[in-house]
N, C-alpha and C. Protein backbone atom coordinates (compact mmCIF):
# COMPACT_ATOMS: atom_id res chain seq x y z
N MET A 1 121.03 -125.02 75.64
CA MET A 1 120.54 -123.86 74.95
C MET A 1 119.22 -124.17 74.27
N LYS A 2 118.26 -123.31 74.44
CA LYS A 2 116.94 -123.52 73.88
C LYS A 2 116.81 -122.80 72.54
N LYS A 3 116.32 -123.52 71.53
CA LYS A 3 116.12 -122.93 70.21
C LYS A 3 114.79 -122.20 70.18
N GLU A 4 114.82 -121.02 69.61
CA GLU A 4 113.57 -120.31 69.40
C GLU A 4 112.98 -120.76 68.08
N LYS A 5 111.68 -120.93 68.06
CA LYS A 5 111.01 -121.52 66.91
C LYS A 5 111.23 -120.73 65.61
N GLY A 6 111.04 -119.42 65.58
CA GLY A 6 111.10 -118.65 64.35
C GLY A 6 112.46 -118.09 64.00
N LEU A 7 113.45 -118.27 64.84
CA LEU A 7 114.76 -117.66 64.63
C LEU A 7 115.42 -118.13 63.34
N CYS A 8 115.40 -119.40 63.07
CA CYS A 8 116.05 -119.94 61.87
C CYS A 8 115.40 -119.39 60.61
N ASN A 9 114.10 -119.32 60.58
CA ASN A 9 113.40 -118.81 59.40
C ASN A 9 113.73 -117.35 59.14
N GLU A 10 113.84 -116.54 60.20
CA GLU A 10 114.17 -115.13 60.04
C GLU A 10 115.56 -114.96 59.45
N LYS A 11 116.53 -115.75 59.92
CA LYS A 11 117.88 -115.68 59.38
C LYS A 11 117.90 -116.13 57.93
N GLN A 12 117.18 -117.20 57.62
CA GLN A 12 117.14 -117.70 56.25
C GLN A 12 116.50 -116.68 55.32
N MET A 13 115.44 -116.05 55.76
CA MET A 13 114.79 -115.05 54.93
C MET A 13 115.72 -113.88 54.65
N SER A 14 116.45 -113.45 55.65
CA SER A 14 117.35 -112.32 55.43
C SER A 14 118.49 -112.71 54.48
N PHE A 15 118.95 -113.95 54.55
CA PHE A 15 119.98 -114.41 53.64
C PHE A 15 119.43 -114.49 52.22
N ASP A 16 118.20 -115.03 52.08
CA ASP A 16 117.55 -115.09 50.77
C ASP A 16 117.39 -113.69 50.19
N GLU A 17 116.95 -112.77 51.02
CA GLU A 17 116.77 -111.39 50.56
C GLU A 17 118.11 -110.78 50.13
N PHE A 18 119.17 -111.09 50.86
CA PHE A 18 120.51 -110.61 50.49
C PHE A 18 120.91 -111.14 49.11
N LEU A 19 120.71 -112.43 48.89
CA LEU A 19 121.07 -113.02 47.59
C LEU A 19 120.28 -112.38 46.45
N ILE A 20 118.99 -112.20 46.65
CA ILE A 20 118.13 -111.62 45.63
C ILE A 20 118.53 -110.17 45.36
N ASP A 21 118.80 -109.42 46.41
CA ASP A 21 119.19 -108.01 46.25
C ASP A 21 120.55 -107.89 45.55
N ASN A 22 121.49 -108.75 45.92
CA ASN A 22 122.80 -108.76 45.28
C ASN A 22 122.67 -109.09 43.79
N PHE A 23 121.83 -110.06 43.47
CA PHE A 23 121.59 -110.45 42.08
C PHE A 23 121.00 -109.27 41.30
N LYS A 24 120.03 -108.58 41.90
CA LYS A 24 119.40 -107.42 41.25
C LYS A 24 120.43 -106.32 40.97
N LYS A 25 121.29 -106.06 41.94
CA LYS A 25 122.33 -105.04 41.75
C LYS A 25 123.27 -105.40 40.61
N LYS A 26 123.61 -106.68 40.50
CA LYS A 26 124.47 -107.12 39.40
C LYS A 26 123.77 -106.97 38.06
N LEU A 27 122.47 -107.26 38.02
CA LEU A 27 121.70 -107.05 36.79
C LEU A 27 121.71 -105.58 36.39
N GLU A 28 121.50 -104.70 37.36
CA GLU A 28 121.50 -103.26 37.09
C GLU A 28 122.87 -102.80 36.58
N GLU A 29 123.92 -103.30 37.21
CA GLU A 29 125.28 -102.93 36.79
C GLU A 29 125.55 -103.42 35.37
N LEU A 30 125.14 -104.64 35.09
CA LEU A 30 125.34 -105.20 33.75
C LEU A 30 124.55 -104.40 32.71
N SER A 31 123.33 -104.04 33.02
CA SER A 31 122.52 -103.29 32.05
C SER A 31 123.14 -101.93 31.75
N LYS A 32 123.71 -101.27 32.78
CA LYS A 32 124.39 -99.99 32.56
C LYS A 32 125.60 -100.18 31.65
N ASN A 33 126.35 -101.24 31.88
CA ASN A 33 127.53 -101.51 31.06
C ASN A 33 127.15 -101.89 29.64
N LEU A 34 126.04 -102.60 29.48
CA LEU A 34 125.59 -102.94 28.14
C LEU A 34 125.18 -101.70 27.36
N SER A 35 124.55 -100.76 28.05
CA SER A 35 124.14 -99.53 27.36
C SER A 35 125.34 -98.66 26.98
N LYS A 36 126.43 -98.76 27.76
CA LYS A 36 127.64 -98.00 27.46
C LYS A 36 128.49 -98.66 26.37
N SER A 37 128.35 -99.98 26.23
CA SER A 37 129.20 -100.69 25.26
C SER A 37 128.84 -100.29 23.84
N ASN A 38 129.77 -100.45 22.97
CA ASN A 38 129.58 -100.05 21.58
C ASN A 38 128.63 -100.96 20.81
N THR A 39 128.48 -102.20 21.27
CA THR A 39 127.66 -103.13 20.51
C THR A 39 126.17 -102.81 20.62
N GLY A 40 125.73 -102.41 21.80
CA GLY A 40 124.32 -102.10 22.00
C GLY A 40 123.43 -103.33 21.91
N ARG A 41 124.05 -104.50 21.94
CA ARG A 41 123.29 -105.75 21.81
C ARG A 41 122.93 -106.29 23.19
N PRO A 42 121.75 -106.91 23.30
CA PRO A 42 121.39 -107.55 24.57
C PRO A 42 122.26 -108.78 24.80
N LEU A 43 122.25 -109.27 26.03
CA LEU A 43 123.08 -110.41 26.42
C LEU A 43 122.19 -111.57 26.87
N ILE A 44 122.50 -112.76 26.42
CA ILE A 44 121.75 -113.95 26.85
C ILE A 44 122.23 -114.33 28.25
N ILE A 45 121.30 -114.36 29.19
CA ILE A 45 121.63 -114.74 30.58
C ILE A 45 121.58 -116.25 30.75
N TYR A 46 120.57 -116.88 30.16
CA TYR A 46 120.52 -118.34 30.18
C TYR A 46 119.67 -118.83 29.02
N THR A 47 119.90 -120.06 28.69
CA THR A 47 119.08 -120.76 27.71
C THR A 47 118.90 -122.18 28.21
N THR A 48 117.71 -122.70 28.07
CA THR A 48 117.44 -124.05 28.55
C THR A 48 116.47 -124.74 27.60
N LEU A 49 116.69 -126.01 27.36
CA LEU A 49 115.83 -126.79 26.50
C LEU A 49 114.66 -127.30 27.34
N LEU A 50 113.44 -126.94 26.94
CA LEU A 50 112.26 -127.35 27.69
C LEU A 50 111.72 -128.69 27.23
N ASP A 51 111.68 -128.87 25.93
CA ASP A 51 111.07 -130.07 25.38
C ASP A 51 111.77 -130.40 24.08
N GLU A 52 112.13 -131.63 23.92
CA GLU A 52 112.77 -132.03 22.67
C GLU A 52 112.29 -133.42 22.30
N GLU A 53 111.65 -133.49 21.17
CA GLU A 53 111.29 -134.78 20.60
C GLU A 53 112.21 -135.00 19.42
N SER A 54 111.98 -136.03 18.65
CA SER A 54 112.91 -136.37 17.57
C SER A 54 113.10 -135.24 16.56
N GLU A 55 112.04 -134.54 16.18
CA GLU A 55 112.17 -133.51 15.16
C GLU A 55 111.73 -132.13 15.63
N TYR A 56 111.31 -132.02 16.85
CA TYR A 56 110.71 -130.78 17.34
C TYR A 56 111.32 -130.42 18.69
N GLY A 57 111.51 -129.13 18.95
CA GLY A 57 112.05 -128.72 20.23
C GLY A 57 111.48 -127.41 20.70
N GLU A 58 111.62 -127.17 21.99
CA GLU A 58 111.16 -125.92 22.59
C GLU A 58 112.25 -125.46 23.54
N GLN A 59 112.66 -124.21 23.39
CA GLN A 59 113.77 -123.68 24.17
C GLN A 59 113.36 -122.38 24.84
N GLU A 60 113.81 -122.21 26.09
CA GLU A 60 113.57 -120.96 26.82
C GLU A 60 114.87 -120.16 26.82
N LEU A 61 114.73 -118.88 26.55
CA LEU A 61 115.88 -118.00 26.41
C LEU A 61 115.62 -116.74 27.23
N ALA A 62 116.57 -116.36 28.09
CA ALA A 62 116.46 -115.13 28.88
C ALA A 62 117.52 -114.15 28.42
N VAL A 63 117.09 -112.94 28.11
CA VAL A 63 117.97 -111.92 27.56
C VAL A 63 117.84 -110.65 28.40
N ILE A 64 118.98 -110.02 28.71
CA ILE A 64 118.96 -108.74 29.42
C ILE A 64 119.28 -107.64 28.42
N ASN A 65 118.51 -106.56 28.50
CA ASN A 65 118.83 -105.37 27.70
C ASN A 65 119.03 -104.21 28.67
N GLU A 66 118.89 -103.00 28.22
CA GLU A 66 119.19 -101.85 29.08
C GLU A 66 118.21 -101.67 30.23
N ASN A 67 116.98 -102.16 30.09
CA ASN A 67 115.98 -101.90 31.12
C ASN A 67 115.24 -103.11 31.66
N PHE A 68 115.28 -104.22 30.95
CA PHE A 68 114.46 -105.37 31.31
C PHE A 68 115.17 -106.69 31.07
N VAL A 69 114.58 -107.75 31.63
CA VAL A 69 114.96 -109.11 31.28
C VAL A 69 113.77 -109.68 30.53
N VAL A 70 114.02 -110.20 29.35
CA VAL A 70 112.97 -110.75 28.50
C VAL A 70 113.18 -112.25 28.38
N ILE A 71 112.12 -113.00 28.66
CA ILE A 71 112.18 -114.45 28.51
C ILE A 71 111.28 -114.83 27.35
N GLN A 72 111.83 -115.62 26.44
CA GLN A 72 111.08 -116.07 25.28
C GLN A 72 111.13 -117.59 25.22
N VAL A 73 110.01 -118.19 24.84
CA VAL A 73 109.97 -119.61 24.57
C VAL A 73 109.87 -119.76 23.06
N ILE A 74 110.86 -120.44 22.49
CA ILE A 74 110.99 -120.56 21.05
C ILE A 74 110.80 -122.02 20.65
N THR A 75 110.01 -122.25 19.61
CA THR A 75 109.85 -123.59 19.07
C THR A 75 110.62 -123.70 17.77
N PHE A 76 111.08 -124.91 17.48
CA PHE A 76 111.87 -125.11 16.28
C PHE A 76 111.79 -126.55 15.83
N GLY A 77 112.13 -126.79 14.58
CA GLY A 77 112.26 -128.13 14.04
C GLY A 77 111.00 -128.69 13.42
N GLY A 78 111.17 -129.82 12.78
CA GLY A 78 110.05 -130.49 12.14
C GLY A 78 109.43 -129.64 11.05
N TYR A 79 108.13 -129.66 10.98
CA TYR A 79 107.41 -128.88 9.99
C TYR A 79 107.05 -127.49 10.50
N VAL A 80 107.39 -127.22 11.75
CA VAL A 80 107.07 -125.94 12.37
C VAL A 80 108.22 -124.96 12.13
N PRO A 81 107.94 -123.80 11.54
CA PRO A 81 109.02 -122.81 11.41
C PRO A 81 109.41 -122.27 12.79
N ILE A 82 110.63 -121.80 12.90
CA ILE A 82 111.07 -121.23 14.18
C ILE A 82 110.14 -120.08 14.54
N SER A 83 109.63 -120.13 15.77
CA SER A 83 108.70 -119.07 16.19
C SER A 83 108.78 -118.87 17.69
N ILE A 84 108.39 -117.69 18.13
CA ILE A 84 108.32 -117.38 19.55
C ILE A 84 106.91 -117.72 20.02
N GLN A 85 106.82 -118.67 20.94
CA GLN A 85 105.52 -119.10 21.46
C GLN A 85 104.94 -118.11 22.46
N HIS A 86 105.76 -117.67 23.37
CA HIS A 86 105.35 -116.62 24.29
C HIS A 86 106.57 -115.89 24.83
N GLN A 87 106.28 -114.74 25.39
CA GLN A 87 107.35 -113.85 25.86
C GLN A 87 106.89 -113.19 27.15
N ARG A 88 107.81 -113.07 28.09
CA ARG A 88 107.54 -112.36 29.35
C ARG A 88 108.62 -111.30 29.55
N VAL A 89 108.20 -110.15 30.03
CA VAL A 89 109.13 -109.05 30.28
C VAL A 89 109.13 -108.78 31.78
N PHE A 90 110.32 -108.75 32.38
CA PHE A 90 110.49 -108.54 33.82
C PHE A 90 111.32 -107.29 34.07
N THR A 91 110.99 -106.58 35.14
CA THR A 91 111.92 -105.59 35.66
C THR A 91 113.03 -106.38 36.35
N PHE A 92 114.11 -105.71 36.71
CA PHE A 92 115.21 -106.41 37.38
C PHE A 92 114.77 -106.94 38.75
N ASP A 93 113.93 -106.18 39.44
CA ASP A 93 113.37 -106.62 40.72
C ASP A 93 112.57 -107.90 40.54
N GLU A 94 111.64 -107.88 39.60
CA GLU A 94 110.76 -109.02 39.37
C GLU A 94 111.54 -110.26 38.95
N PHE A 95 112.50 -110.07 38.04
CA PHE A 95 113.27 -111.21 37.56
C PHE A 95 114.11 -111.83 38.66
N SER A 96 114.73 -111.00 39.48
CA SER A 96 115.58 -111.50 40.57
C SER A 96 114.80 -112.42 41.50
N LEU A 97 113.62 -112.02 41.88
CA LEU A 97 112.78 -112.83 42.76
C LEU A 97 112.27 -114.07 42.02
N TRP A 98 111.82 -113.88 40.80
CA TRP A 98 111.25 -114.98 40.01
C TRP A 98 112.27 -116.09 39.78
N ILE A 99 113.48 -115.75 39.36
CA ILE A 99 114.50 -116.76 39.05
C ILE A 99 114.98 -117.45 40.33
N TYR A 100 115.05 -116.72 41.44
CA TYR A 100 115.46 -117.31 42.71
C TYR A 100 114.46 -118.37 43.16
N LYS A 101 113.17 -118.04 43.02
CA LYS A 101 112.13 -118.98 43.43
C LYS A 101 112.00 -120.15 42.46
N ARG A 102 112.31 -119.91 41.21
CA ARG A 102 112.11 -120.95 40.19
C ARG A 102 113.09 -122.10 40.33
N SER A 103 114.39 -121.78 40.41
CA SER A 103 115.39 -122.85 40.45
C SER A 103 116.72 -122.34 40.98
N GLY A 104 117.25 -123.02 41.97
CA GLY A 104 118.56 -122.66 42.51
C GLY A 104 119.66 -122.81 41.48
N ASN A 105 119.60 -123.89 40.68
CA ASN A 105 120.62 -124.11 39.66
C ASN A 105 120.58 -123.03 38.59
N LEU A 106 119.38 -122.66 38.16
CA LEU A 106 119.23 -121.62 37.14
C LEU A 106 119.68 -120.26 37.69
N PHE A 107 119.38 -120.01 38.96
CA PHE A 107 119.82 -118.78 39.62
C PHE A 107 121.35 -118.69 39.60
N LEU A 108 122.01 -119.78 39.97
CA LEU A 108 123.48 -119.80 39.98
C LEU A 108 124.06 -119.69 38.58
N GLN A 109 123.40 -120.32 37.60
CA GLN A 109 123.85 -120.23 36.22
C GLN A 109 123.79 -118.77 35.74
N CYS A 110 122.69 -118.09 36.06
CA CYS A 110 122.54 -116.67 35.69
C CYS A 110 123.60 -115.82 36.38
N LEU A 111 123.82 -116.07 37.65
CA LEU A 111 124.80 -115.31 38.42
C LEU A 111 126.20 -115.47 37.82
N THR A 112 126.55 -116.68 37.45
CA THR A 112 127.84 -116.94 36.82
C THR A 112 127.96 -116.21 35.49
N THR A 113 126.92 -116.27 34.68
CA THR A 113 126.92 -115.58 33.38
C THR A 113 127.07 -114.08 33.56
N ILE A 114 126.35 -113.52 34.53
CA ILE A 114 126.42 -112.07 34.80
C ILE A 114 127.83 -111.68 35.25
N ASP A 115 128.40 -112.46 36.18
CA ASP A 115 129.75 -112.17 36.66
C ASP A 115 130.77 -112.24 35.52
N GLU A 116 130.66 -113.24 34.66
CA GLU A 116 131.58 -113.38 33.53
C GLU A 116 131.42 -112.21 32.56
N ALA A 117 130.18 -111.79 32.32
CA ALA A 117 129.93 -110.67 31.41
C ALA A 117 130.49 -109.38 31.99
N LEU A 118 130.33 -109.17 33.29
CA LEU A 118 130.88 -107.97 33.93
C LEU A 118 132.40 -107.94 33.83
N LEU A 119 133.04 -109.10 34.03
CA LEU A 119 134.49 -109.18 33.89
C LEU A 119 134.92 -108.88 32.46
N ALA A 120 134.20 -109.41 31.50
CA ALA A 120 134.52 -109.19 30.09
C ALA A 120 134.35 -107.72 29.69
N LEU A 121 133.40 -107.05 30.34
CA LEU A 121 133.17 -105.64 30.04
C LEU A 121 134.11 -104.73 30.82
N GLY A 122 134.93 -105.34 31.68
CA GLY A 122 135.95 -104.55 32.39
C GLY A 122 135.57 -104.08 33.77
N ASN A 123 134.63 -104.79 34.44
CA ASN A 123 134.25 -104.41 35.80
C ASN A 123 134.61 -105.48 36.78
């Protein structure tokens, strides 16, 4: 059997697109459920430590609300008061693609958090 050169890439791309689309749908479902819940509070999708020295640290935090995913980089410790260094706001489409390309482990961590949150909210 002869392998076609581009066949594997086409299948992989369609699988990648499926994963990203499925992730986006879960984000949309979660945001709808968050808006219906009584708390009205956003949900942390992931948090990761970017830099930590003896007295100083930098942490990245991703939060989903009713319409967007917001990523904030927060500094803390030492003589520096806790502050937000920068913030990015993503649509669900943008975030799904961005997190998939950024890190497979982070993508899976987010997916697990979303699934657990949906179960806790009764879906």
